[in-house]
Amino acid sequence: MMRLKAAYTRLRPLKFDLYVYHIDYFFGEPSFVLGKAAAAHIWLRLLISISYGLLPTSVLAIFAAYVFLRREAETLVVAKTFVLNLFLAVPLYLLLPVCGPAFAFSQFPLSPPPTSCLI
């Protein structure tokens, strides 16, 4: 995963993390609140890690449920959506690269950056 992130960084070195932080600030900085909660509780970090790890499995489970429980037309729409997502994820990242608060601020999540960076 780190090699993939490094490849994206070489391909698209400019990131928009600070702009996203500005948007995040208006919502009460939820990324820092959630990051602090995860840093304080090992069970929450484990749950988050498992959730991210199960994303491919959940995609397959959802598709299998559509195959067995829905009509063919609905199943094709879901299949097209998953394929479209697969092929649009990288180009959208290259257009709007955001790596998250840990990329923008080295002290994440222990202390949010000063409000002076919002100016």
PDB file of N, CA and C in Angstrom:
ATOM      1  N   MET A   1       0.818  -1.192   0.000  1.00  0.00           N
ATOM      2  CA  MET A   1       0.000   0.000   0.000  1.00  0.00           C
ATOM      3  C   MET A   1       0.861   1.255   0.000  1.00  0.00           C
ATOM      4  N   MET A   2       1.955   1.231   0.770  1.00  0.00           N
ATOM      5  CA  MET A   2       2.825   2.404   0.825  1.00  0.00           C
ATOM      6  C   MET A   2       3.496   2.649  -0.517  1.00  0.00           C
ATOM      7  N   ARG A   3       3.852   1.567  -1.248  1.00  0.00           N
ATOM      8  CA  ARG A   3       4.474   1.757  -2.558  1.00  0.00           C
ATOM      9  C   ARG A   3       3.489   2.373  -3.530  1.00  0.00           C
ATOM     10  N   LEU A   4       2.219   1.982  -3.429  1.00  0.00           N
ATOM     11  CA  LEU A   4       1.195   2.554  -4.291  1.00  0.00           C
ATOM     12  C   LEU A   4       1.014   4.026  -3.985  1.00  0.00           C
ATOM     13  N   LYS A   5       0.999   4.395  -2.698  1.00  0.00           N
ATOM     14  CA  LYS A   5       0.877   5.797  -2.302  1.00  0.00           C
ATOM     15  C   LYS A   5       2.084   6.588  -2.799  1.00  0.00           C
ATOM     16  N   ALA A   6       3.282   6.013  -2.695  1.00  0.00           N
ATOM     17  CA  ALA A   6       4.489   6.690  -3.171  1.00  0.00           C
ATOM     18  C   ALA A   6       4.434   6.887  -4.680  1.00  0.00           C
ATOM     19  N   ALA A   7       3.902   5.917  -5.410  1.00  0.00           N
ATOM     20  CA  ALA A   7       3.778   6.054  -6.859  1.00  0.00           C
ATOM     21  C   ALA A   7       2.808   7.176  -7.212  1.00  0.00           C
ATOM     22  N   TYR A   8       1.688   7.241  -6.507  1.00  0.00           N
ATOM     23  CA  TYR A   8       0.737   8.335  -6.743  1.00  0.00           C
ATOM     24  C   TYR A   8       1.361   9.678  -6.398  1.00  0.00           C
ATOM     25  N   THR A   9       2.183   9.720  -5.340  1.00  0.00           N
ATOM     26  CA  THR A   9       2.824  10.965  -4.941  1.00  0.00           C
ATOM     27  C   THR A   9       3.801  11.427  -6.013  1.00  0.00           C
ATOM     28  N   ARG A  10       4.546  10.497  -6.603  1.00  0.00           N
ATOM     29  CA  ARG A  10       5.463  10.883  -7.685  1.00  0.00           C
ATOM     30  C   ARG A  10       4.682  11.332  -8.915  1.00  0.00           C
ATOM     31  N   LEU A  11       3.576  10.664  -9.193  1.00  0.00           N
ATOM     32  CA  LEU A  11       2.769  10.998 -10.357  1.00  0.00           C
ATOM     33  C   LEU A  11       2.035  12.328 -10.176  1.00  0.00           C
ATOM     34  N   ARG A  12       1.565  12.575  -8.961  1.00  0.00           N
ATOM     35  CA  ARG A  12       0.785  13.788  -8.676  1.00  0.00           C
ATOM     36  C   ARG A  12       1.259  14.367  -7.344  1.00  0.00           C
ATOM     37  N   PRO A  13       2.407  15.101  -7.334  1.00  0.00           N
ATOM     38  CA  PRO A  13       2.969  15.565  -6.063  1.00  0.00           C
ATOM     39  C   PRO A  13       2.119  16.626  -5.345  1.00  0.00           C
ATOM     40  N   LEU A  14       1.385  17.445  -6.079  1.00  0.00           N
ATOM     41  CA  LEU A  14       0.548  18.472  -5.464  1.00  0.00           C
ATOM     42  C   LEU A  14      -0.692  17.826  -4.876  1.00  0.00           C
ATOM     43  N   LYS A  15      -0.955  18.095  -3.597  1.00  0.00           N
ATOM     44  CA  LYS A  15      -2.121  17.528  -2.926  1.00  0.00           C
ATOM     45  C   LYS A  15      -3.035  18.659  -2.455  1.00  0.00           C
ATOM     46  N   PHE A  16      -4.294  18.359  -2.261  1.00  0.00           N
ATOM     47  CA  PHE A  16      -5.272  19.347  -1.824  1.00  0.00           C
ATOM     48  C   PHE A  16      -5.707  19.129  -0.380  1.00  0.00           C
ATOM     49  N   ASP A  17      -4.848  18.546   0.430  1.00  0.00           N
ATOM     50  CA  ASP A  17      -5.211  18.232   1.807  1.00  0.00           C
ATOM     51  C   ASP A  17      -5.524  19.467   2.633  1.00  0.00           C
ATOM     52  N   LEU A  18      -4.791  20.541   2.444  1.00  0.00           N
ATOM     53  CA  LEU A  18      -5.049  21.748   3.225  1.00  0.00           C
ATOM     54  C   LEU A  18      -6.413  22.340   2.874  1.00  0.00           C
ATOM     55  N   TYR A  19      -6.799  22.281   1.608  1.00  0.00           N
ATOM     56  CA  TYR A  19      -8.124  22.775   1.220  1.00  0.00           C
ATOM     57  C   TYR A  19      -9.230  21.923   1.850  1.00  0.00           C
ATOM     58  N   VAL A  20      -9.021  20.630   1.876  1.00  0.00           N
ATOM     59  CA  VAL A  20     -10.003  19.747   2.506  1.00  0.00           C
ATOM     60  C   VAL A  20     -10.051  20.004   4.003  1.00  0.00           C
ATOM     61  N   TYR A  21      -8.905  20.331   4.606  1.00  0.00           N
ATOM     62  CA  TYR A  21      -8.901  20.680   6.019  1.00  0.00           C
ATOM     63  C   TYR A  21      -9.729  21.935   6.270  1.00  0.00           C
ATOM     64  N   HIS A  22      -9.659  22.903   5.368  1.00  0.00           N
ATOM     65  CA  HIS A  22     -10.482  24.109   5.504  1.00  0.00           C
ATOM     66  C   HIS A  22     -11.968  23.750   5.512  1.00  0.00           C
ATOM     67  N   ILE A  23     -12.370  22.854   4.639  1.00  0.00           N
ATOM     68  CA  ILE A  23     -13.765  22.387   4.603  1.00  0.00           C
ATOM     69  C   ILE A  23     -14.086  21.620   5.885  1.00  0.00           C
ATOM     70  N   ASP A  24     -13.163  20.780   6.312  1.00  0.00           N
ATOM     71  CA  ASP A  24     -13.329  19.979   7.524  1.00  0.00           C
ATOM     72  C   ASP A  24     -13.509  20.873   8.752  1.00  0.00           C
ATOM     73  N   TYR A  25     -12.826  22.007   8.781  1.00  0.00           N
ATOM     74  CA  TYR A  25     -12.886  22.932   9.915  1.00  0.00           C
ATOM     75  C   TYR A  25     -14.312  23.435  10.139  1.00  0.00           C
ATOM     76  N   PHE A  26     -15.053  23.667   9.064  1.00  0.00           N
ATOM     77  CA  PHE A  26     -16.420  24.173   9.189  1.00  0.00           C
ATOM     78  C   PHE A  26     -17.378  23.119   9.754  1.00  0.00           C
ATOM     79  N   PHE A  27     -16.983  21.858   9.724  1.00  0.00           N
ATOM     80  CA  PHE A  27     -17.807  20.777  10.281  1.00  0.00           C
ATOM     81  C   PHE A  27     -17.322  20.365  11.671  1.00  0.00           C
ATOM     82  N   GLY A  28     -16.449  21.161  12.277  1.00  0.00           N
ATOM     83  CA  GLY A  28     -15.980  20.860  13.621  1.00  0.00           C
ATOM     84  C   GLY A  28     -14.785  19.931  13.666  1.00  0.00           C
ATOM     85  N   GLU A  29     -14.025  19.869  12.592  1.00  0.00           N
ATOM     86  CA  GLU A  29     -12.825  19.032  12.489  1.00  0.00           C
ATOM     87  C   GLU A  29     -13.089  17.578  12.862  1.00  0.00           C
ATOM     88  N   PRO A  30     -14.034  16.922  12.217  1.00  0.00           N
ATOM     89  CA  PRO A  30     -14.335  15.533  12.587  1.00  0.00           C
ATOM     90  C   PRO A  30     -13.174  14.569  12.357  1.00  0.00           C
ATOM     91  N   SER A  31     -12.299  14.842  11.398  1.00  0.00           N
ATOM     92  CA  SER A  31     -11.195  13.912  11.171  1.00  0.00           C
ATOM     93  C   SER A  31     -10.258  13.880  12.374  1.00  0.00           C
ATOM     94  N   PHE A  32     -10.030  15.035  13.016  1.00  0.00           N
ATOM     95  CA  PHE A  32      -9.166  15.052  14.194  1.00  0.00           C
ATOM     96  C   PHE A  32      -9.871  14.431  15.400  1.00  0.00           C
ATOM     97  N   VAL A  33     -11.161  14.651  15.520  1.00  0.00           N
ATOM     98  CA  VAL A  33     -11.920  14.047  16.624  1.00  0.00           C
ATOM     99  C   VAL A  33     -11.916  12.529  16.477  1.00  0.00           C
ATOM    100  N   LEU A  34     -12.200  12.032  15.278  1.00  0.00           N
ATOM    101  CA  LEU A  34     -12.192  10.591  15.050  1.00  0.00           C
ATOM    102  C   LEU A  34     -10.786  10.012  15.177  1.00  0.00           C
ATOM    103  N   GLY A  35      -9.790  10.745  14.706  1.00  0.00           N
ATOM    104  CA  GLY A  35      -8.407  10.287  14.818  1.00  0.00           C
ATOM    105  C   GLY A  35      -7.964  10.174  16.264  1.00  0.00           C
ATOM    106  N   LYS A  36      -8.352  11.143  17.102  1.00  0.00           N
ATOM    107  CA  LYS A  36      -8.009  11.079  18.525  1.00  0.00           C
ATOM    108  C   LYS A  36      -8.697   9.891  19.193  1.00  0.00           C
ATOM    109  N   ALA A  37      -9.951   9.665  18.836  1.00  0.00           N
ATOM    110  CA  ALA A  37     -10.676   8.527  19.418  1.00  0.00           C
ATOM    111  C   ALA A  37     -10.014   7.213  19.019  1.00  0.00           C
ATOM    112  N   ALA A  38      -9.614   7.101  17.750  1.00  0.00           N
ATOM    113  CA  ALA A  38      -8.966   5.874  17.286  1.00  0.00           C
ATOM    114  C   ALA A  38      -7.588   5.694  17.921  1.00  0.00           C
ATOM    115  N   ALA A  39      -6.881   6.791  18.118  1.00  0.00           N
ATOM    116  CA  ALA A  39      -5.546   6.689  18.728  1.00  0.00           C
ATOM    117  C   ALA A  39      -5.629   6.259  20.190  1.00  0.00           C
ATOM    118  N   ALA A  40      -6.729   6.589  20.847  1.00  0.00           N
ATOM    119  CA  ALA A  40      -6.873   6.280  22.269  1.00  0.00           C
ATOM    120  C   ALA A  40      -7.391   4.862  22.529  1.00  0.00           C
ATOM    121  N   HIS A  41      -8.001   4.230  21.530  1.00  0.00           N
ATOM    122  CA  HIS A  41      -8.630   2.929  21.749  1.00  0.00           C
ATOM    123  C   HIS A  41      -8.162   1.918  20.704  1.00  0.00           C
ATOM    124  N   ILE A  42      -7.467   0.914  21.158  1.00  0.00           N
ATOM    125  CA  ILE A  42      -6.958  -0.116  20.251  1.00  0.00           C
ATOM    126  C   ILE A  42      -8.095  -0.860  19.562  1.00  0.00           C
ATOM    127  N   TRP A  43      -9.200  -1.073  20.257  1.00  0.00           N
ATOM    128  CA  TRP A  43     -10.331  -1.799  19.666  1.00  0.00           C
ATOM    129  C   TRP A  43     -10.935  -1.012  18.516  1.00  0.00           C
ATOM    130  N   LEU A  44     -10.934   0.325  18.595  1.00  0.00           N
ATOM    131  CA  LEU A  44     -11.470   1.141  17.505  1.00  0.00           C
ATOM    132  C   LEU A  44     -10.534   1.106  16.298  1.00  0.00           C
ATOM    133  N   ARG A  45      -9.229   1.155  16.543  1.00  0.00           N
ATOM    134  CA  ARG A  45      -8.268   1.036  15.433  1.00  0.00           C
ATOM    135  C   ARG A  45      -8.411  -0.312  14.753  1.00  0.00           C
ATOM    136  N   LEU A  46      -8.594  -1.346  15.544  1.00  0.00           N
ATOM    137  CA  LEU A  46      -8.775  -2.691  14.997  1.00  0.00           C
ATOM    138  C   LEU A  46     -10.063  -2.780  14.177  1.00  0.00           C
ATOM    139  N   LEU A  47     -11.143  -2.224  14.688  1.00  0.00           N
ATOM    140  CA  LEU A  47     -12.414  -2.216  13.965  1.00  0.00           C
ATOM    141  C   LEU A  47     -12.309  -1.456  12.640  1.00  0.00           C
ATOM    142  N   ILE A  48     -11.641  -0.320  12.666  1.00  0.00           N
ATOM    143  CA  ILE A  48     -11.457   0.467  11.438  1.00  0.00           C
ATOM    144  C   ILE A  48     -10.604  -0.311  10.434  1.00  0.00           C
ATOM    145  N   SER A  49      -9.547  -0.930  10.920  1.00  0.00           N
ATOM    146  CA  SER A  49      -8.680  -1.719  10.038  1.00  0.00           C
ATOM    147  C   SER A  49      -9.433  -2.888   9.412  1.00  0.00           C
ATOM    148  N   ILE A  50     -10.226  -3.584  10.205  1.00  0.00           N
ATOM    149  CA  ILE A  50     -11.008  -4.699   9.680  1.00  0.00           C
ATOM    150  C   ILE A  50     -12.038  -4.202   8.670  1.00  0.00           C
ATOM    151  N   SER A  51     -12.677  -3.068   8.980  1.00  0.00           N
ATOM    152  CA  SER A  51     -13.682  -2.514   8.060  1.00  0.00           C
ATOM    153  C   SER A  51     -13.076  -2.195   6.701  1.00  0.00           C
ATOM    154  N   TYR A  52     -11.908  -1.552   6.692  1.00  0.00           N
ATOM    155  CA  TYR A  52     -11.258  -1.253   5.424  1.00  0.00           C
ATOM    156  C   TYR A  52     -10.814  -2.523   4.718  1.00  0.00           C
ATOM    157  N   GLY A  53     -10.346  -3.486   5.474  1.00  0.00           N
ATOM    158  CA  GLY A  53      -9.909  -4.744   4.880  1.00  0.00           C
ATOM    159  C   GLY A  53     -11.042  -5.552   4.267  1.00  0.00           C
ATOM    160  N   LEU A  54     -12.249  -5.379   4.794  1.00  0.00           N
ATOM    161  CA  LEU A  54     -13.398  -6.133   4.298  1.00  0.00           C
ATOM    162  C   LEU A  54     -14.140  -5.448   3.148  1.00  0.00           C
ATOM    163  N   LEU A  55     -13.685  -4.295   2.727  1.00  0.00           N
ATOM    164  CA  LEU A  55     -14.378  -3.596   1.635  1.00  0.00           C
ATOM    165  C   LEU A  55     -14.490  -4.440   0.364  1.00  0.00           C
ATOM    166  N   PRO A  56     -13.420  -5.073  -0.112  1.00  0.00           N
ATOM    167  CA  PRO A  56     -13.585  -5.914  -1.311  1.00  0.00           C
ATOM    168  C   PRO A  56     -14.567  -7.064  -1.092  1.00  0.00           C
ATOM    169  N   THR A  57     -14.535  -7.650   0.100  1.00  0.00           N
ATOM    170  CA  THR A  57     -15.461  -8.736   0.408  1.00  0.00           C
ATOM    171  C   THR A  57     -16.906  -8.245   0.422  1.00  0.00           C
ATOM    172  N   SER A  58     -17.113  -7.054   0.962  1.00  0.00           N
ATOM    173  CA  SER A  58     -18.477  -6.518   1.001  1.00  0.00           C
ATOM    174  C   SER A  58     -18.994  -6.201  -0.398  1.00  0.00           C
ATOM    175  N   VAL A  59     -18.115  -5.768  -1.293  1.00  0.00           N
ATOM    176  CA  VAL A  59     -18.535  -5.536  -2.678  1.00  0.00           C
ATOM    177  C   VAL A  59     -19.012  -6.849  -3.298  1.00  0.00           C
ATOM    178  N   LEU A  60     -18.248  -7.909  -3.087  1.00  0.00           N
ATOM    179  CA  LEU A  60     -18.658  -9.214  -3.612  1.00  0.00           C
ATOM    180  C   LEU A  60     -19.952  -9.701  -2.972  1.00  0.00           C
ATOM    181  N   ALA A  61     -20.120  -9.481  -1.667  1.00  0.00           N
ATOM    182  CA  ALA A  61     -21.337  -9.905  -0.978  1.00  0.00           C
ATOM    183  C   ALA A  61     -22.557  -9.143  -1.491  1.00  0.00           C
ATOM    184  N   ILE A  62     -22.397  -7.858  -1.706  1.00  0.00           N
ATOM    185  CA  ILE A  62     -23.510  -7.056  -2.235  1.00  0.00           C
ATOM    186  C   ILE A  62     -23.876  -7.522  -3.633  1.00  0.00           C
ATOM    187  N   PHE A  63     -22.856  -7.752  -4.459  1.00  0.00           N
ATOM    188  CA  PHE A  63     -23.147  -8.218  -5.816  1.00  0.00           C
ATOM    189  C   PHE A  63     -23.816  -9.589  -5.796  1.00  0.00           C
ATOM    190  N   ALA A  64     -23.340 -10.483  -4.930  1.00  0.00           N
ATOM    191  CA  ALA A  64     -23.957 -11.817  -4.816  1.00  0.00           C
ATOM    192  C   ALA A  64     -25.403 -11.710  -4.364  1.00  0.00           C
ATOM    193  N   ALA A  65     -25.677 -10.814  -3.435  1.00  0.00           N
ATOM    194  CA  ALA A  65     -27.058 -10.616  -2.980  1.00  0.00           C
ATOM    195  C   ALA A  65     -27.934 -10.126  -4.122  1.00  0.00           C
ATOM    196  N   TYR A  66     -27.413  -9.228  -4.944  1.00  0.00           N
ATOM    197  CA  TYR A  66     -28.195  -8.753  -6.090  1.00  0.00           C
ATOM    198  C   TYR A  66     -28.430  -9.878  -7.095  1.00  0.00           C
ATOM    199  N   VAL A  67     -27.420 -10.708  -7.311  1.00  0.00           N
ATOM    200  CA  VAL A  67     -27.569 -11.815  -8.261  1.00  0.00           C
ATOM    201  C   VAL A  67     -28.687 -12.757  -7.818  1.00  0.00           C
ATOM    202  N   PHE A  68     -28.741 -13.055  -6.538  1.00  0.00           N
ATOM    203  CA  PHE A  68     -29.716 -14.032  -6.051  1.00  0.00           C
ATOM    204  C   PHE A  68     -31.068 -13.442  -5.681  1.00  0.00           C
ATOM    205  N   LEU A  69     -31.124 -12.162  -5.308  1.00  0.00           N
ATOM    206  CA  LEU A  69     -32.356 -11.609  -4.759  1.00  0.00           C
ATOM    207  C   LEU A  69     -33.054 -10.576  -5.642  1.00  0.00           C
ATOM    208  N   ARG A  70     -32.387 -10.070  -6.645  1.00  0.00           N
ATOM    209  CA  ARG A  70     -32.978  -9.015  -7.474  1.00  0.00           C
ATOM    210  C   ARG A  70     -33.112  -9.463  -8.924  1.00  0.00           C
ATOM    211  N   ARG A  71     -33.802  -8.624  -9.678  1.00  0.00           N
ATOM    212  CA  ARG A  71     -33.962  -8.910 -11.114  1.00  0.00           C
ATOM    213  C   ARG A  71     -32.642  -8.651 -11.841  1.00  0.00           C
ATOM    214  N   GLU A  72     -32.559  -9.177 -13.038  1.00  0.00           N
ATOM    215  CA  GLU A  72     -31.328  -9.055 -13.833  1.00  0.00           C
ATOM    216  C   GLU A  72     -31.002  -7.596 -14.147  1.00  0.00           C
ATOM    217  N   ALA A  73     -32.012  -6.784 -14.418  1.00  0.00           N
ATOM    218  CA  ALA A  73     -31.776  -5.372 -14.745  1.00  0.00           C
ATOM    219  C   ALA A  73     -31.122  -4.640 -13.570  1.00  0.00           C
ATOM    220  N   GLU A  74     -31.602  -4.899 -12.358  1.00  0.00           N
ATOM    221  CA  GLU A  74     -31.011  -4.260 -11.176  1.00  0.00           C
ATOM    222  C   GLU A  74     -29.585  -4.754 -10.943  1.00  0.00           C
ATOM    223  N   THR A  75     -29.361  -6.028 -11.186  1.00  0.00           N
ATOM    224  CA  THR A  75     -28.027  -6.595 -11.009  1.00  0.00           C
ATOM    225  C   THR A  75     -27.045  -5.976 -12.000  1.00  0.00           C
ATOM    226  N   LEU A  76     -27.476  -5.743 -13.222  1.00  0.00           N
ATOM    227  CA  LEU A  76     -26.607  -5.107 -14.224  1.00  0.00           C
ATOM    228  C   LEU A  76     -26.266  -3.678 -13.837  1.00  0.00           C
ATOM    229  N   VAL A  77     -27.214  -2.969 -13.253  1.00  0.00           N
ATOM    230  CA  VAL A  77     -26.938  -1.598 -12.805  1.00  0.00           C
ATOM    231  C   VAL A  77     -25.870  -1.606 -11.717  1.00  0.00           C
ATOM    232  N   VAL A  78     -25.983  -2.523 -10.762  1.00  0.00           N
ATOM    233  CA  VAL A  78     -24.983  -2.623  -9.700  1.00  0.00           C
ATOM    234  C   VAL A  78     -23.629  -3.014 -10.271  1.00  0.00           C
ATOM    235  N   ALA A  79     -23.603  -3.961 -11.191  1.00  0.00           N
ATOM    236  CA  ALA A  79     -22.340  -4.376 -11.817  1.00  0.00           C
ATOM    237  C   ALA A  79     -21.697  -3.205 -12.562  1.00  0.00           C
ATOM    238  N   LYS A  80     -22.491  -2.455 -13.314  1.00  0.00           N
ATOM    239  CA  LYS A  80     -21.960  -1.281 -14.032  1.00  0.00           C
ATOM    240  C   LYS A  80     -21.420  -0.241 -13.058  1.00  0.00           C
ATOM    241  N   THR A  81     -22.103  -0.056 -11.941  1.00  0.00           N
ATOM    242  CA  THR A  81     -21.656   0.911 -10.942  1.00  0.00           C
ATOM    243  C   THR A  81     -20.317   0.507 -10.346  1.00  0.00           C
ATOM    244  N   PHE A  82     -20.156  -0.769 -10.004  1.00  0.00           N
ATOM    245  CA  PHE A  82     -18.895  -1.242  -9.447  1.00  0.00           C
ATOM    246  C   PHE A  82     -17.757  -1.130 -10.462  1.00  0.00           C
ATOM    247  N   VAL A  83     -18.014  -1.466 -11.702  1.00  0.00           N
ATOM    248  CA  VAL A  83     -16.978  -1.363 -12.738  1.00  0.00           C
ATOM    249  C   VAL A  83     -16.616   0.093 -12.993  1.00  0.00           C
ATOM    250  N   LEU A  84     -17.617   0.959 -13.049  1.00  0.00           N
ATOM    251  CA  LEU A  84     -17.368   2.385 -13.240  1.00  0.00           C
ATOM    252  C   LEU A  84     -16.527   2.934 -12.093  1.00  0.00           C
ATOM    253  N   ASN A  85     -16.862   2.550 -10.878  1.00  0.00           N
ATOM    254  CA  ASN A  85     -16.084   2.973  -9.710  1.00  0.00           C
ATOM    255  C   ASN A  85     -14.641   2.492  -9.814  1.00  0.00           C
ATOM    256  N   LEU A  86     -14.460   1.262 -10.250  1.00  0.00           N
ATOM    257  CA  LEU A  86     -13.120   0.695 -10.381  1.00  0.00           C
ATOM    258  C   LEU A  86     -12.257   1.510 -11.343  1.00  0.00           C
ATOM    259  N   PHE A  87     -12.835   1.920 -12.470  1.00  0.00           N
ATOM    260  CA  PHE A  87     -12.045   2.627 -13.479  1.00  0.00           C
ATOM    261  C   PHE A  87     -11.987   4.138 -13.276  1.00  0.00           C
ATOM    262  N   LEU A  88     -12.873   4.705 -12.467  1.00  0.00           N
ATOM    263  CA  LEU A  88     -12.842   6.149 -12.235  1.00  0.00           C
ATOM    264  C   LEU A  88     -12.086   6.550 -10.972  1.00  0.00           C
ATOM    265  N   ALA A  89     -11.796   5.621 -10.093  1.00  0.00           N
ATOM    266  CA  ALA A  89     -11.158   5.961  -8.823  1.00  0.00           C
ATOM    267  C   ALA A  89      -9.791   6.621  -9.026  1.00  0.00           C
ATOM    268  N   VAL A  90      -8.943   6.036  -9.823  1.00  0.00           N
ATOM    269  CA  VAL A  90      -7.596   6.594 -10.020  1.00  0.00           C
ATOM    270  C   VAL A  90      -7.650   7.929 -10.770  1.00  0.00           C
ATOM    271  N   PRO A  91      -8.392   8.061 -11.880  1.00  0.00           N
ATOM    272  CA  PRO A  91      -8.436   9.375 -12.523  1.00  0.00           C
ATOM    273  C   PRO A  91      -9.007  10.476 -11.623  1.00  0.00           C
ATOM    274  N   LEU A  92     -10.009  10.153 -10.818  1.00  0.00           N
ATOM    275  CA  LEU A  92     -10.547  11.156  -9.897  1.00  0.00           C
ATOM    276  C   LEU A  92      -9.521  11.529  -8.836  1.00  0.00           C
ATOM    277  N   TYR A  93      -8.772  10.547  -8.354  1.00  0.00           N
ATOM    278  CA  TYR A  93      -7.712  10.866  -7.399  1.00  0.00           C
ATOM    279  C   TYR A  93      -6.653  11.758  -8.056  1.00  0.00           C
ATOM    280  N   LEU A  94      -6.316  11.482  -9.299  1.00  0.00           N
ATOM    281  CA  LEU A  94      -5.302  12.295  -9.969  1.00  0.00           C
ATOM    282  C   LEU A  94      -5.795  13.718 -10.219  1.00  0.00           C
ATOM    283  N   LEU A  95      -7.108  13.890 -10.400  1.00  0.00           N
ATOM    284  CA  LEU A  95      -7.672  15.233 -10.557  1.00  0.00           C
ATOM    285  C   LEU A  95      -7.765  15.968  -9.223  1.00  0.00           C
ATOM    286  N   LEU A  96      -8.176  15.272  -8.183  1.00  0.00           N
ATOM    287  CA  LEU A  96      -8.348  15.862  -6.854  1.00  0.00           C
ATOM    288  C   LEU A  96      -7.611  15.024  -5.814  1.00  0.00           C
ATOM    289  N   PRO A  97      -6.279  15.118  -5.783  1.00  0.00           N
ATOM    290  CA  PRO A  97      -5.520  14.259  -4.875  1.00  0.00           C
ATOM    291  C   PRO A  97      -5.627  14.727  -3.421  1.00  0.00           C
ATOM    292  N   VAL A  98      -6.128  13.855  -2.584  1.00  0.00           N
ATOM    293  CA  VAL A  98      -6.209  14.092  -1.148  1.00  0.00           C
ATOM    294  C   VAL A  98      -5.763  12.806  -0.456  1.00  0.00           C
ATOM    295  N   CYS A  99      -4.793  12.921   0.431  1.00  0.00           N
ATOM    296  CA  CYS A  99      -4.263  11.744   1.120  1.00  0.00           C
ATOM    297  C   CYS A  99      -4.727  11.648   2.560  1.00  0.00           C
ATOM    298  N   GLY A 100      -5.330  12.676   3.091  1.00  0.00           N
ATOM    299  CA  GLY A 100      -5.818  12.640   4.462  1.00  0.00           C
ATOM    300  C   GLY A 100      -4.998  13.519   5.384  1.00  0.00           C
ATOM    301  N   PRO A 101      -5.500  13.728   6.590  1.00  0.00           N
ATOM    302  CA  PRO A 101      -4.833  14.656   7.508  1.00  0.00           C
ATOM    303  C   PRO A 101      -3.449  14.206   7.940  1.00  0.00           C
ATOM    304  N   ALA A 102      -3.182  12.919   7.984  1.00  0.00           N
ATOM    305  CA  ALA A 102      -1.850  12.446   8.378  1.00  0.00           C
ATOM    306  C   ALA A 102      -0.804  12.866   7.347  1.00  0.00           C
ATOM    307  N   PHE A 103      -1.194  12.992   6.093  1.00  0.00           N
ATOM    308  CA  PHE A 103      -0.272  13.431   5.045  1.00  0.00           C
ATOM    309  C   PHE A 103       0.020  14.927   5.195  1.00  0.00           C
ATOM    310  N   ALA A 104      -1.019  15.718   5.505  1.00  0.00           N
ATOM    311  CA  ALA A 104      -0.862  17.167   5.578  1.00  0.00           C
ATOM    312  C   ALA A 104      -0.235  17.639   6.888  1.00  0.00           C
ATOM    313  N   PHE A 105      -0.531  16.935   7.981  1.00  0.00           N
ATOM    314  CA  PHE A 105      -0.078  17.382   9.296  1.00  0.00           C
ATOM    315  C   PHE A 105       0.601  16.228  10.014  1.00  0.00           C
ATOM    316  N   SER A 106       1.870  16.380  10.282  1.00  0.00           N
ATOM    317  CA  SER A 106       2.634  15.284  10.877  1.00  0.00           C
ATOM    318  C   SER A 106       2.178  14.948  12.294  1.00  0.00           C
ATOM    319  N   GLN A 107       1.576  15.892  13.002  1.00  0.00           N
ATOM    320  CA  GLN A 107       1.156  15.635  14.372  1.00  0.00           C
ATOM    321  C   GLN A 107      -0.262  15.067  14.461  1.00  0.00           C
ATOM    322  N   PHE A 108      -0.872  14.711  13.344  1.00  0.00           N
ATOM    323  CA  PHE A 108      -2.216  14.137  13.361  1.00  0.00           C
ATOM    324  C   PHE A 108      -2.200  12.811  14.098  1.00  0.00           C
ATOM    325  N   PRO A 109      -3.147  12.462  14.897  1.00  0.00           N
ATOM    326  CA  PRO A 109      -4.339  13.191  15.310  1.00  0.00           C
ATOM    327  C   PRO A 109      -4.178  13.852  16.673  1.00  0.00           C
ATOM    328  N   LEU A 110      -2.953  13.852  17.210  1.00  0.00           N
ATOM    329  CA  LEU A 110      -2.773  14.319  18.580  1.00  0.00           C
ATOM    330  C   LEU A 110      -3.075  15.803  18.763  1.00  0.00           C
ATOM    331  N   SER A 111      -2.670  16.624  17.816  1.00  0.00           N
ATOM    332  CA  SER A 111      -2.992  18.043  17.943  1.00  0.00           C
ATOM    333  C   SER A 111      -3.295  18.617  16.565  1.00  0.00           C
ATOM    334  N   PRO A 112      -4.479  19.210  16.422  1.00  0.00           N
ATOM    335  CA  PRO A 112      -4.814  19.820  15.137  1.00  0.00           C
ATOM    336  C   PRO A 112      -3.901  21.014  14.858  1.00  0.00           C
ATOM    337  N   PRO A 113      -3.722  21.366  13.610  1.00  0.00           N
ATOM    338  CA  PRO A 113      -2.884  22.505  13.297  1.00  0.00           C
ATOM    339  C   PRO A 113      -3.512  23.793  13.835  1.00  0.00           C
ATOM    340  N   PRO A 114      -2.709  24.820  14.051  1.00  0.00           N
ATOM    341  CA  PRO A 114      -3.265  26.078  14.553  1.00  0.00           C
ATOM    342  C   PRO A 114      -4.242  26.675  13.539  1.00  0.00           C
ATOM    343  N   THR A 115      -5.147  27.499  14.036  1.00  0.00           N
ATOM    344  CA  THR A 115      -6.127  28.117  13.131  1.00  0.00           C
ATOM    345  C   THR A 115      -5.464  29.095  12.186  1.00  0.00           C
ATOM    346  N   SER A 116      -4.192  29.455  12.415  1.00  0.00           N
ATOM    347  CA  SER A 116      -3.505  30.366  11.509  1.00  0.00           C
ATOM    348  C   SER A 116      -3.312  29.750  10.124  1.00  0.00           C
ATOM    349  N   CYS A 117      -3.336  28.424  10.014  1.00  0.00           N
ATOM    350  CA  CYS A 117      -3.195  27.815   8.693  1.00  0.00           C
ATOM    351  C   CYS A 117      -4.497  27.889   7.912  1.00  0.00           C
ATOM    352  N   LEU A 118      -5.560  28.383   8.547  1.00  0.00           N
ATOM    353  CA  LEU A 118      -6.839  28.513   7.847  1.00  0.00           C
ATOM    354  C   LEU A 118      -6.962  29.832   7.112  1.00  0.00           C
ATOM    355  N   ILE A 119      -6.002  30.691   7.289  1.00  0.00           N
ATOM    356  CA  ILE A 119      -6.076  32.008   6.638  1.00  0.00           C
ATOM    357  C   ILE A 119      -5.524  31.931   5.242  1.00  0.00           C
TER     358      ILE A 119
END
